[in-house]
N, C-alpha and C. Protein backbone atom coordinates (compact mmCIF):
# COMPACT_ATOMS: atom_id res chain seq x y z
N MET A 1 75.91 107.66 111.68
CA MET A 1 76.81 107.96 112.79
C MET A 1 77.44 109.34 112.67
N SER A 2 77.20 110.01 111.56
CA SER A 2 77.83 111.32 111.38
C SER A 2 77.30 112.34 112.37
N VAL A 3 76.07 112.13 112.87
CA VAL A 3 75.52 113.04 113.88
C VAL A 3 76.19 112.80 115.23
N GLU A 4 76.38 111.52 115.56
CA GLU A 4 77.03 111.17 116.82
C GLU A 4 78.51 111.53 116.81
N TYR A 5 79.14 111.37 115.67
CA TYR A 5 80.59 111.61 115.54
C TYR A 5 80.84 112.53 114.34
N PRO A 6 80.59 113.81 114.51
CA PRO A 6 80.73 114.74 113.36
C PRO A 6 82.18 115.09 113.07
N GLY A 7 82.42 115.53 111.84
CA GLY A 7 83.73 116.02 111.48
C GLY A 7 84.44 115.17 110.45
N SER A 8 85.59 115.64 110.05
CA SER A 8 86.42 114.94 109.08
C SER A 8 87.21 113.83 109.78
N ALA A 9 87.93 113.06 108.98
CA ALA A 9 88.79 112.02 109.57
C ALA A 9 89.80 112.63 110.53
N LYS A 10 90.35 113.78 110.16
CA LYS A 10 91.32 114.45 111.03
C LYS A 10 90.66 114.89 112.33
N ASP A 11 89.44 115.41 112.25
CA ASP A 11 88.72 115.83 113.46
C ASP A 11 88.47 114.65 114.38
N LEU A 12 88.20 113.49 113.80
CA LEU A 12 87.79 112.33 114.58
C LEU A 12 88.97 111.54 115.14
N CYS A 13 90.15 111.73 114.61
CA CYS A 13 91.32 111.00 115.07
C CYS A 13 91.71 111.45 116.48
N GLU A 14 91.97 110.51 117.36
CA GLU A 14 92.30 110.83 118.75
C GLU A 14 93.80 110.86 119.03
N LEU A 15 94.61 110.64 118.00
CA LEU A 15 96.05 110.81 118.15
C LEU A 15 96.41 112.28 117.97
N ASP A 16 97.30 112.78 118.81
CA ASP A 16 97.76 114.17 118.70
C ASP A 16 98.92 114.25 117.71
N PHE A 17 98.83 115.17 116.76
CA PHE A 17 99.90 115.34 115.78
C PHE A 17 99.73 116.69 115.11
N SER A 18 100.80 117.19 114.51
CA SER A 18 100.72 118.45 113.78
C SER A 18 101.17 118.32 112.33
N THR A 19 101.80 117.21 111.98
CA THR A 19 102.26 116.98 110.60
C THR A 19 102.00 115.53 110.23
N PRO A 20 101.97 115.22 108.92
CA PRO A 20 101.84 113.82 108.51
C PRO A 20 102.95 112.93 109.08
N TRP A 21 104.15 113.48 109.21
CA TRP A 21 105.24 112.71 109.80
C TRP A 21 104.94 112.32 111.24
N GLU A 22 104.47 113.27 112.03
CA GLU A 22 104.13 112.97 113.41
C GLU A 22 103.00 111.95 113.49
N LEU A 23 102.01 112.07 112.60
CA LEU A 23 100.92 111.11 112.58
C LEU A 23 101.42 109.72 112.24
N LEU A 24 102.32 109.63 111.28
CA LEU A 24 102.88 108.33 110.88
C LEU A 24 103.56 107.65 112.06
N VAL A 25 104.41 108.38 112.76
CA VAL A 25 105.11 107.81 113.92
C VAL A 25 104.12 107.45 115.02
N ALA A 26 103.18 108.34 115.30
CA ALA A 26 102.20 108.08 116.36
C ALA A 26 101.36 106.85 116.05
N THR A 27 101.02 106.66 114.80
CA THR A 27 100.21 105.50 114.42
C THR A 27 101.00 104.21 114.58
N VAL A 28 102.27 104.23 114.22
CA VAL A 28 103.12 103.05 114.45
C VAL A 28 103.22 102.74 115.95
N LEU A 29 103.33 103.78 116.75
CA LEU A 29 103.43 103.58 118.20
C LEU A 29 102.12 103.10 118.82
N SER A 30 101.01 103.34 118.15
CA SER A 30 99.70 103.02 118.73
C SER A 30 99.37 101.54 118.72
N ALA A 31 100.19 100.72 118.08
CA ALA A 31 99.93 99.28 118.07
C ALA A 31 99.96 98.71 119.48
N GLN A 32 98.94 97.96 119.83
CA GLN A 32 98.86 97.27 121.13
C GLN A 32 98.89 98.22 122.32
N THR A 33 98.38 99.44 122.14
CA THR A 33 98.26 100.36 123.26
C THR A 33 97.15 101.36 122.95
N THR A 34 96.91 102.30 123.84
CA THR A 34 95.85 103.28 123.63
C THR A 34 96.39 104.56 123.02
N ASP A 35 95.51 105.31 122.38
CA ASP A 35 95.90 106.61 121.85
C ASP A 35 96.35 107.53 122.98
N GLU A 36 95.71 107.42 124.12
CA GLU A 36 96.08 108.26 125.27
C GLU A 36 97.52 107.99 125.68
N GLN A 37 97.91 106.74 125.68
CA GLN A 37 99.28 106.41 126.07
C GLN A 37 100.27 106.96 125.05
N VAL A 38 99.93 106.85 123.77
CA VAL A 38 100.80 107.41 122.73
C VAL A 38 100.90 108.92 122.90
N ASN A 39 99.76 109.58 123.14
CA ASN A 39 99.76 111.04 123.30
C ASN A 39 100.56 111.50 124.51
N SER A 40 100.79 110.60 125.44
CA SER A 40 101.56 110.98 126.64
C SER A 40 103.07 111.00 126.37
N VAL A 41 103.51 110.33 125.28
CA VAL A 41 104.95 110.27 125.01
C VAL A 41 105.38 111.06 123.78
N THR A 42 104.47 111.27 122.84
CA THR A 42 104.88 111.93 121.59
C THR A 42 105.31 113.38 121.76
N PRO A 43 104.77 114.17 122.69
CA PRO A 43 105.29 115.53 122.82
C PRO A 43 106.79 115.56 123.10
N THR A 44 107.25 114.71 123.99
CA THR A 44 108.69 114.64 124.28
C THR A 44 109.46 114.11 123.08
N LEU A 45 108.94 113.06 122.45
CA LEU A 45 109.62 112.47 121.30
C LEU A 45 109.79 113.48 120.17
N PHE A 46 108.72 114.21 119.84
CA PHE A 46 108.78 115.14 118.72
C PHE A 46 109.52 116.44 119.07
N ARG A 47 109.54 116.76 120.34
CA ARG A 47 110.32 117.93 120.74
C ARG A 47 111.82 117.66 120.61
N GLN A 48 112.23 116.46 120.97
CA GLN A 48 113.65 116.11 120.88
C GLN A 48 114.07 115.72 119.47
N TYR A 49 113.13 115.12 118.72
CA TYR A 49 113.45 114.66 117.37
C TYR A 49 112.33 115.12 116.42
N PRO A 50 112.33 116.39 116.04
CA PRO A 50 111.21 116.94 115.28
C PRO A 50 111.10 116.48 113.83
N ALA A 51 112.20 116.09 113.21
CA ALA A 51 112.17 115.72 111.79
C ALA A 51 112.68 114.29 111.61
N PRO A 52 112.35 113.67 110.48
CA PRO A 52 112.82 112.29 110.25
C PRO A 52 114.33 112.14 110.39
N GLU A 53 115.08 113.11 109.88
CA GLU A 53 116.54 113.00 109.97
C GLU A 53 117.03 113.06 111.41
N ASP A 54 116.29 113.75 112.27
CA ASP A 54 116.66 113.82 113.69
C ASP A 54 116.45 112.47 114.36
N LEU A 55 115.30 111.87 114.09
CA LEU A 55 115.00 110.57 114.70
C LEU A 55 115.91 109.48 114.13
N ALA A 56 116.25 109.60 112.86
CA ALA A 56 117.13 108.61 112.24
C ALA A 56 118.48 108.56 112.93
N ALA A 57 118.92 109.68 113.48
CA ALA A 57 120.24 109.75 114.14
C ALA A 57 120.14 109.62 115.65
N ALA A 58 118.96 109.29 116.16
CA ALA A 58 118.73 109.28 117.61
C ALA A 58 119.40 108.09 118.28
N SER A 59 119.64 108.25 119.58
CA SER A 59 120.15 107.17 120.40
C SER A 59 119.04 106.15 120.65
N LEU A 60 119.32 104.88 120.38
CA LEU A 60 118.35 103.82 120.60
C LEU A 60 117.87 103.82 122.04
N GLU A 61 118.80 103.97 122.97
CA GLU A 61 118.46 103.92 124.40
C GLU A 61 117.55 105.08 124.79
N ARG A 62 117.81 106.26 124.24
CA ARG A 62 116.99 107.42 124.61
C ARG A 62 115.58 107.29 124.06
N VAL A 63 115.45 106.82 122.84
CA VAL A 63 114.11 106.65 122.27
C VAL A 63 113.34 105.57 123.04
N GLU A 64 114.03 104.48 123.40
CA GLU A 64 113.37 103.44 124.21
C GLU A 64 112.86 104.02 125.52
N GLU A 65 113.65 104.89 126.13
CA GLU A 65 113.25 105.51 127.39
C GLU A 65 112.00 106.36 127.22
N ILE A 66 111.95 107.11 126.13
CA ILE A 66 110.80 108.00 125.90
C ILE A 66 109.52 107.23 125.64
N ILE A 67 109.59 106.20 124.78
CA ILE A 67 108.36 105.52 124.35
C ILE A 67 108.04 104.29 125.19
N HIS A 68 108.80 104.04 126.22
CA HIS A 68 108.61 102.86 127.07
C HIS A 68 107.15 102.64 127.48
N PRO A 69 106.39 103.68 127.87
CA PRO A 69 105.01 103.46 128.31
C PRO A 69 104.07 102.88 127.26
N THR A 70 104.45 102.92 125.98
CA THR A 70 103.56 102.42 124.93
C THR A 70 103.62 100.90 124.77
N GLY A 71 104.56 100.24 125.46
CA GLY A 71 104.68 98.80 125.35
C GLY A 71 105.45 98.38 124.10
N PHE A 72 106.02 97.19 124.14
CA PHE A 72 106.81 96.67 123.02
C PHE A 72 107.80 97.73 122.54
N PHE A 73 108.38 98.45 123.50
CA PHE A 73 109.15 99.65 123.19
C PHE A 73 110.44 99.36 122.44
N ARG A 74 111.02 98.19 122.64
CA ARG A 74 112.27 97.89 121.91
C ARG A 74 111.99 97.69 120.42
N VAL A 75 110.96 96.93 120.11
CA VAL A 75 110.60 96.71 118.71
C VAL A 75 110.14 98.03 118.08
N LYS A 76 109.33 98.78 118.81
CA LYS A 76 108.82 100.04 118.27
C LYS A 76 109.94 101.04 118.04
N THR A 77 110.91 101.05 118.94
CA THR A 77 112.05 101.96 118.77
C THR A 77 112.80 101.63 117.49
N LYS A 78 113.09 100.37 117.28
CA LYS A 78 113.79 99.97 116.05
C LYS A 78 112.97 100.32 114.82
N ASN A 79 111.66 100.12 114.91
CA ASN A 79 110.79 100.42 113.77
C ASN A 79 110.77 101.90 113.43
N ILE A 80 110.61 102.77 114.44
CA ILE A 80 110.46 104.18 114.10
C ILE A 80 111.80 104.81 113.70
N ILE A 81 112.91 104.29 114.23
CA ILE A 81 114.22 104.79 113.77
C ILE A 81 114.48 104.34 112.34
N ALA A 82 114.15 103.08 112.03
CA ALA A 82 114.29 102.59 110.66
C ALA A 82 113.33 103.33 109.73
N LEU A 83 112.14 103.62 110.22
CA LEU A 83 111.16 104.38 109.45
C LEU A 83 111.70 105.78 109.13
N ALA A 84 112.28 106.42 110.13
CA ALA A 84 112.84 107.75 109.95
C ALA A 84 113.98 107.72 108.93
N SER A 85 114.81 106.71 109.01
CA SER A 85 115.92 106.58 108.07
C SER A 85 115.42 106.40 106.64
N ALA A 86 114.37 105.59 106.48
CA ALA A 86 113.82 105.34 105.15
C ALA A 86 113.17 106.59 104.56
N VAL A 87 112.40 107.30 105.38
CA VAL A 87 111.75 108.53 104.89
C VAL A 87 112.81 109.56 104.52
N SER A 88 113.86 109.65 105.32
CA SER A 88 114.94 110.61 105.04
C SER A 88 115.69 110.24 103.76
N ALA A 89 116.09 108.99 103.67
CA ALA A 89 116.95 108.57 102.56
C ALA A 89 116.21 108.43 101.24
N ARG A 90 114.98 107.91 101.31
CA ARG A 90 114.28 107.58 100.07
C ARG A 90 113.29 108.64 99.61
N PHE A 91 112.81 109.47 100.56
CA PHE A 91 111.78 110.44 100.20
C PHE A 91 112.13 111.86 100.61
N GLY A 92 113.42 112.10 100.88
CA GLY A 92 113.87 113.45 101.19
C GLY A 92 113.26 114.03 102.45
N GLY A 93 112.88 113.16 103.39
CA GLY A 93 112.30 113.64 104.64
C GLY A 93 110.82 113.98 104.56
N VAL A 94 110.19 113.68 103.41
CA VAL A 94 108.77 113.98 103.23
C VAL A 94 107.97 112.68 103.17
N VAL A 95 106.92 112.59 103.96
CA VAL A 95 106.09 111.39 103.97
C VAL A 95 105.39 111.25 102.62
N PRO A 96 105.52 110.11 101.96
CA PRO A 96 104.89 109.94 100.65
C PRO A 96 103.37 109.86 100.75
N THR A 97 102.70 110.15 99.64
CA THR A 97 101.24 110.16 99.63
C THR A 97 100.66 109.01 98.80
N ALA A 98 101.47 108.05 98.45
CA ALA A 98 100.99 106.90 97.68
C ALA A 98 101.02 105.65 98.55
N MET A 99 99.95 104.89 98.50
CA MET A 99 99.88 103.65 99.27
C MET A 99 101.07 102.75 98.96
N GLY A 100 101.41 102.61 97.68
CA GLY A 100 102.50 101.73 97.29
C GLY A 100 103.83 102.11 97.91
N ASP A 101 104.04 103.41 98.13
CA ASP A 101 105.27 103.86 98.78
C ASP A 101 105.20 103.69 100.29
N LEU A 102 104.07 104.03 100.88
CA LEU A 102 103.93 103.97 102.33
C LEU A 102 104.15 102.56 102.88
N VAL A 103 103.60 101.57 102.20
CA VAL A 103 103.69 100.20 102.75
C VAL A 103 105.07 99.59 102.57
N THR A 104 105.97 100.29 101.89
CA THR A 104 107.36 99.81 101.82
C THR A 104 108.19 100.29 103.00
N LEU A 105 107.63 101.18 103.82
CA LEU A 105 108.37 101.73 104.95
C LEU A 105 108.35 100.76 106.13
N PRO A 106 109.42 100.70 106.91
CA PRO A 106 109.48 99.79 108.06
C PRO A 106 108.34 100.06 109.05
N GLY A 107 107.66 98.99 109.46
CA GLY A 107 106.61 99.10 110.45
C GLY A 107 105.29 99.62 109.93
N VAL A 108 105.19 99.83 108.62
CA VAL A 108 103.97 100.41 108.05
C VAL A 108 103.24 99.37 107.20
N GLY A 109 102.04 99.02 107.63
CA GLY A 109 101.17 98.14 106.85
C GLY A 109 100.05 98.95 106.24
N ARG A 110 99.12 98.25 105.66
CA ARG A 110 98.03 98.93 104.94
C ARG A 110 97.16 99.78 105.87
N LYS A 111 96.91 99.28 107.08
CA LYS A 111 96.09 100.05 108.01
C LYS A 111 96.75 101.38 108.35
N THR A 112 98.02 101.36 108.73
CA THR A 112 98.74 102.58 109.06
C THR A 112 98.79 103.52 107.86
N ALA A 113 99.04 102.96 106.68
CA ALA A 113 99.08 103.79 105.47
C ALA A 113 97.74 104.48 105.23
N ASN A 114 96.64 103.76 105.45
CA ASN A 114 95.33 104.36 105.25
C ASN A 114 95.03 105.45 106.28
N VAL A 115 95.55 105.29 107.49
CA VAL A 115 95.41 106.35 108.49
C VAL A 115 96.11 107.62 108.02
N VAL A 116 97.34 107.46 107.55
CA VAL A 116 98.12 108.62 107.10
C VAL A 116 97.46 109.28 105.89
N LEU A 117 96.97 108.48 104.96
CA LEU A 117 96.32 109.03 103.77
C LEU A 117 95.07 109.81 104.14
N SER A 118 94.19 109.19 104.94
CA SER A 118 92.89 109.80 105.22
C SER A 118 92.95 110.90 106.26
N VAL A 119 93.74 110.69 107.31
CA VAL A 119 93.80 111.66 108.40
C VAL A 119 94.86 112.73 108.14
N GLY A 120 96.03 112.29 107.70
CA GLY A 120 97.14 113.22 107.52
C GLY A 120 97.06 114.06 106.27
N PHE A 121 96.53 113.46 105.19
CA PHE A 121 96.52 114.15 103.90
C PHE A 121 95.11 114.44 103.37
N GLY A 122 94.08 113.92 104.01
CA GLY A 122 92.73 114.14 103.52
C GLY A 122 92.45 113.42 102.21
N LEU A 123 93.17 112.33 101.96
CA LEU A 123 93.00 111.54 100.75
C LEU A 123 92.15 110.30 101.04
N PRO A 124 91.64 109.64 100.01
CA PRO A 124 90.86 108.42 100.25
C PRO A 124 91.70 107.35 100.94
N GLY A 125 91.14 106.79 101.97
CA GLY A 125 91.81 105.72 102.71
C GLY A 125 90.87 105.21 103.78
N LEU A 126 90.73 103.90 103.90
CA LEU A 126 89.81 103.33 104.89
C LEU A 126 90.58 102.35 105.77
N PRO A 127 91.08 102.82 106.91
CA PRO A 127 91.80 101.93 107.83
C PRO A 127 90.87 100.88 108.43
N VAL A 128 91.29 99.65 108.41
CA VAL A 128 90.51 98.58 109.05
C VAL A 128 91.29 98.05 110.23
N ASP A 129 90.85 98.43 111.43
CA ASP A 129 91.44 97.89 112.64
C ASP A 129 90.47 96.87 113.22
N THR A 130 90.72 96.39 114.43
CA THR A 130 89.85 95.37 115.01
C THR A 130 88.43 95.89 115.24
N HIS A 131 88.29 97.18 115.59
CA HIS A 131 86.95 97.75 115.79
C HIS A 131 86.17 97.78 114.48
N VAL A 132 86.79 98.27 113.43
CA VAL A 132 86.12 98.35 112.13
C VAL A 132 85.74 96.95 111.65
N GLY A 133 86.65 96.01 111.78
CA GLY A 133 86.35 94.65 111.37
C GLY A 133 85.22 94.03 112.18
N ARG A 134 85.27 94.22 113.49
CA ARG A 134 84.25 93.62 114.37
C ARG A 134 82.89 94.23 114.12
N LEU A 135 82.79 95.55 114.04
CA LEU A 135 81.51 96.19 113.81
C LEU A 135 80.95 95.88 112.42
N SER A 136 81.83 95.75 111.45
CA SER A 136 81.37 95.41 110.10
C SER A 136 80.72 94.03 110.07
N LEU A 137 81.26 93.09 110.86
CA LEU A 137 80.65 91.77 110.96
C LEU A 137 79.32 91.84 111.71
N LEU A 138 79.29 92.59 112.79
CA LEU A 138 78.05 92.72 113.58
C LEU A 138 76.93 93.33 112.76
N LEU A 139 77.27 94.31 111.93
CA LEU A 139 76.28 95.00 111.10
C LEU A 139 76.00 94.26 109.80
N ARG A 140 76.71 93.15 109.58
CA ARG A 140 76.58 92.35 108.36
C ARG A 140 76.94 93.16 107.11
N LEU A 141 77.90 94.06 107.26
CA LEU A 141 78.39 94.81 106.11
C LEU A 141 79.37 93.99 105.29
N THR A 142 79.88 92.94 105.88
CA THR A 142 80.82 92.03 105.23
C THR A 142 80.74 90.68 105.90
N GLU A 143 81.19 89.67 105.19
CA GLU A 143 81.34 88.34 105.78
C GLU A 143 82.82 87.99 105.89
N GLN A 144 83.66 88.96 105.57
CA GLN A 144 85.09 88.73 105.54
C GLN A 144 85.72 89.00 106.90
N THR A 145 86.85 88.34 107.16
CA THR A 145 87.61 88.61 108.37
C THR A 145 89.02 89.12 108.05
N ASP A 146 89.46 88.91 106.82
CA ASP A 146 90.74 89.46 106.41
C ASP A 146 90.60 90.97 106.23
N PRO A 147 91.45 91.77 106.88
CA PRO A 147 91.30 93.23 106.84
C PRO A 147 91.28 93.82 105.43
N VAL A 148 92.08 93.29 104.52
CA VAL A 148 92.11 93.82 103.16
C VAL A 148 90.77 93.55 102.46
N LYS A 149 90.21 92.37 102.68
CA LYS A 149 88.92 92.05 102.08
C LYS A 149 87.79 92.86 102.70
N VAL A 150 87.88 93.10 104.01
CA VAL A 150 86.90 93.98 104.67
C VAL A 150 86.98 95.37 104.06
N GLU A 151 88.20 95.88 103.91
CA GLU A 151 88.40 97.20 103.31
C GLU A 151 87.77 97.26 101.92
N THR A 152 87.99 96.24 101.12
CA THR A 152 87.44 96.20 99.77
C THR A 152 85.92 96.25 99.79
N ASP A 153 85.30 95.48 100.68
CA ASP A 153 83.84 95.46 100.78
C ASP A 153 83.29 96.82 101.21
N LEU A 154 83.91 97.42 102.21
CA LEU A 154 83.42 98.70 102.72
C LEU A 154 83.62 99.82 101.70
N CYS A 155 84.77 99.83 101.05
CA CYS A 155 85.04 100.87 100.06
C CYS A 155 84.03 100.83 98.92
N ALA A 156 83.57 99.62 98.57
CA ALA A 156 82.60 99.48 97.48
C ALA A 156 81.24 100.06 97.85
N MET A 157 80.97 100.23 99.14
CA MET A 157 79.67 100.74 99.59
C MET A 157 79.63 102.25 99.73
N LEU A 158 80.79 102.89 99.74
CA LEU A 158 80.87 104.30 100.10
C LEU A 158 81.60 105.11 99.04
N PRO A 159 81.25 106.41 98.89
CA PRO A 159 82.07 107.28 98.06
C PRO A 159 83.44 107.45 98.71
N SER A 160 84.46 107.62 97.92
CA SER A 160 85.83 107.64 98.45
C SER A 160 86.04 108.74 99.48
N ARG A 161 85.32 109.85 99.36
CA ARG A 161 85.48 110.94 100.32
C ARG A 161 85.02 110.56 101.72
N GLU A 162 84.22 109.49 101.82
CA GLU A 162 83.69 109.06 103.11
C GLU A 162 84.48 107.94 103.74
N TRP A 163 85.47 107.41 103.05
CA TRP A 163 86.18 106.25 103.57
C TRP A 163 86.84 106.53 104.92
N GLY A 164 87.60 107.59 105.01
CA GLY A 164 88.30 107.91 106.25
C GLY A 164 87.36 108.23 107.40
N PRO A 165 86.42 109.18 107.21
CA PRO A 165 85.49 109.49 108.30
C PRO A 165 84.69 108.28 108.76
N PHE A 166 84.24 107.44 107.81
CA PHE A 166 83.48 106.25 108.18
C PHE A 166 84.30 105.35 109.10
N SER A 167 85.55 105.10 108.72
CA SER A 167 86.41 104.25 109.54
C SER A 167 86.60 104.82 110.93
N LEU A 168 86.88 106.12 111.02
CA LEU A 168 87.11 106.73 112.34
C LEU A 168 85.85 106.70 113.20
N ARG A 169 84.69 106.86 112.58
CA ARG A 169 83.44 106.78 113.34
C ARG A 169 83.21 105.37 113.87
N MET A 170 83.51 104.38 113.06
CA MET A 170 83.39 103.00 113.51
C MET A 170 84.34 102.72 114.67
N ILE A 171 85.55 103.24 114.58
CA ILE A 171 86.53 103.05 115.65
C ILE A 171 86.05 103.68 116.95
N LEU A 172 85.57 104.92 116.88
CA LEU A 172 85.09 105.60 118.08
C LEU A 172 83.88 104.88 118.66
N HIS A 173 82.98 104.41 117.78
CA HIS A 173 81.78 103.71 118.26
C HIS A 173 82.17 102.39 118.93
N GLY A 174 83.16 101.73 118.37
CA GLY A 174 83.63 100.48 118.97
C GLY A 174 84.29 100.69 120.32
N ARG A 175 84.93 101.84 120.49
CA ARG A 175 85.58 102.13 121.77
C ARG A 175 84.58 102.58 122.84
N ARG A 176 83.54 103.30 122.43
CA ARG A 176 82.68 103.97 123.39
C ARG A 176 81.33 103.28 123.64
N VAL A 177 80.80 102.61 122.61
CA VAL A 177 79.45 102.04 122.73
C VAL A 177 79.44 100.54 122.43
N CYS A 178 79.83 100.18 121.23
CA CYS A 178 79.81 98.76 120.84
C CYS A 178 81.11 98.11 121.30
N ILE A 179 81.24 98.00 122.59
CA ILE A 179 82.48 97.53 123.21
C ILE A 179 82.51 96.00 123.17
N ALA A 180 83.62 95.45 122.75
CA ALA A 180 83.73 94.00 122.69
C ALA A 180 83.44 93.38 124.05
N ARG A 181 82.65 92.33 124.05
CA ARG A 181 82.26 91.55 125.24
C ARG A 181 81.25 92.26 126.13
N ARG A 182 81.06 93.56 125.98
CA ARG A 182 80.04 94.25 126.78
C ARG A 182 79.44 95.41 125.98
N PRO A 183 78.84 95.10 124.83
CA PRO A 183 78.25 96.15 124.01
C PRO A 183 77.08 96.83 124.72
N ARG A 184 76.99 98.14 124.57
CA ARG A 184 75.93 98.92 125.21
C ARG A 184 74.82 99.16 124.18
N CYS A 185 74.14 98.08 123.80
CA CYS A 185 73.15 98.15 122.74
C CYS A 185 72.02 99.13 123.05
N ALA A 186 71.65 99.26 124.32
CA ALA A 186 70.56 100.16 124.69
C ALA A 186 70.90 101.61 124.40
N GLU A 187 72.18 101.93 124.27
CA GLU A 187 72.60 103.30 124.00
C GLU A 187 73.04 103.50 122.56
N CYS A 188 72.92 102.47 121.75
CA CYS A 188 73.46 102.51 120.39
C CYS A 188 72.46 103.11 119.41
N VAL A 189 72.90 104.08 118.63
CA VAL A 189 72.03 104.72 117.64
C VAL A 189 71.71 103.80 116.48
N MET A 190 72.43 102.68 116.36
CA MET A 190 72.18 101.74 115.27
C MET A 190 71.42 100.50 115.71
N ALA A 191 70.98 100.48 116.96
CA ALA A 191 70.34 99.27 117.50
C ALA A 191 69.07 98.89 116.74
N ASP A 192 68.35 99.87 116.19
CA ASP A 192 67.10 99.58 115.49
C ASP A 192 67.30 98.76 114.23
N PHE A 193 68.46 98.88 113.63
CA PHE A 193 68.67 98.13 112.38
C PHE A 193 69.88 97.19 112.43
N CYS A 194 70.57 97.17 113.54
CA CYS A 194 71.72 96.27 113.67
C CYS A 194 71.22 94.85 113.88
N PRO A 195 71.55 93.90 113.00
CA PRO A 195 71.07 92.52 113.16
C PRO A 195 71.64 91.81 114.37
N SER A 196 72.66 92.39 114.99
CA SER A 196 73.28 91.76 116.15
C SER A 196 72.89 92.42 117.46
N ALA A 197 72.05 93.44 117.41
CA ALA A 197 71.70 94.19 118.62
C ALA A 197 71.04 93.29 119.65
N PHE A 198 71.50 93.40 120.88
CA PHE A 198 70.95 92.71 122.05
C PHE A 198 71.16 91.19 122.03
N LEU A 199 71.95 90.71 121.07
CA LEU A 199 72.25 89.28 121.08
C LEU A 199 73.27 89.00 122.18
N PRO A 200 73.18 87.83 122.82
CA PRO A 200 74.11 87.54 123.92
C PRO A 200 75.52 87.22 123.47
N PHE A 201 75.69 86.94 122.18
CA PHE A 201 77.01 86.56 121.71
C PHE A 201 77.42 87.41 120.52
N ALA A 202 78.68 87.27 120.14
CA ALA A 202 79.24 87.97 118.99
C ALA A 202 78.62 87.41 117.71
N PRO A 203 78.89 88.01 116.54
CA PRO A 203 78.36 87.50 115.29
C PRO A 203 78.87 86.10 115.01
N PRO A 204 78.22 85.39 114.07
CA PRO A 204 78.66 84.04 113.77
C PRO A 204 80.17 83.98 113.62
N ALA A 205 80.76 83.11 114.41
CA ALA A 205 82.22 83.13 114.54
C ALA A 205 82.91 82.63 113.28
N LYS A 206 83.87 83.40 112.84
CA LYS A 206 84.83 82.95 111.85
C LYS A 206 86.19 83.13 112.50
N ALA A 207 87.23 83.00 111.75
CA ALA A 207 88.55 83.24 112.32
C ALA A 207 88.62 84.66 112.82
N ALA A 208 89.28 84.86 113.94
CA ALA A 208 89.36 86.20 114.53
C ALA A 208 90.01 87.17 113.56
N LEU A 209 89.38 88.35 113.43
CA LEU A 209 89.93 89.36 112.54
C LEU A 209 91.08 90.05 113.23
N ARG A 210 92.18 90.15 112.53
CA ARG A 210 93.36 90.83 113.08
C ARG A 210 93.76 91.95 112.16
N SER A 211 93.97 93.11 112.75
CA SER A 211 94.43 94.23 111.93
C SER A 211 95.92 94.07 111.65
N ARG A 212 96.36 94.65 110.55
CA ARG A 212 97.76 94.54 110.14
C ARG A 212 98.32 95.95 109.94
N GLY A 213 99.15 96.39 110.89
CA GLY A 213 99.88 97.62 110.73
C GLY A 213 99.14 98.67 110.00
């Protein structure tokens, strides 16, 4: 897929950001919405609150107003203000580069942490969202549905430098070609070897894979 989707993890990410902090906030906001919707609100958000300490002191009502289009805006507002407070108080306003530190932040799970590591810092990290999990089952790269177990299986197959780009390519392919419920197998570059190509149904059903923050 590197020919179809060339570039680094940062090149392949569709969220707009200029710093790891902006990427962290944008990724938290991206839950249950599209990257396009997030990109429509973050310019205003980051212009008014450029640093963690700025967002930590922000008006709840104003932040809710800005991020309203992303959905679940009340919960997300509380999360990103708490996130800003934690980064400011515990890490001096600098986003940490260790998984163990990132997942202690409000609203940040392993998936979000892996996005920040791989896209924001160029470090090893393999985010497993619903696209990555679904395509991994279709391609029989794993039999797991738990995102952490899927991550473990995929990481074992790849050199660490490829973890981030591989995940982002799977995400883009899931959005553009291998679309849930209406996969475009005739246009898929992996159709020749995909064991699920042209099948009328999804892979053998297990519990639905759910991504976690």
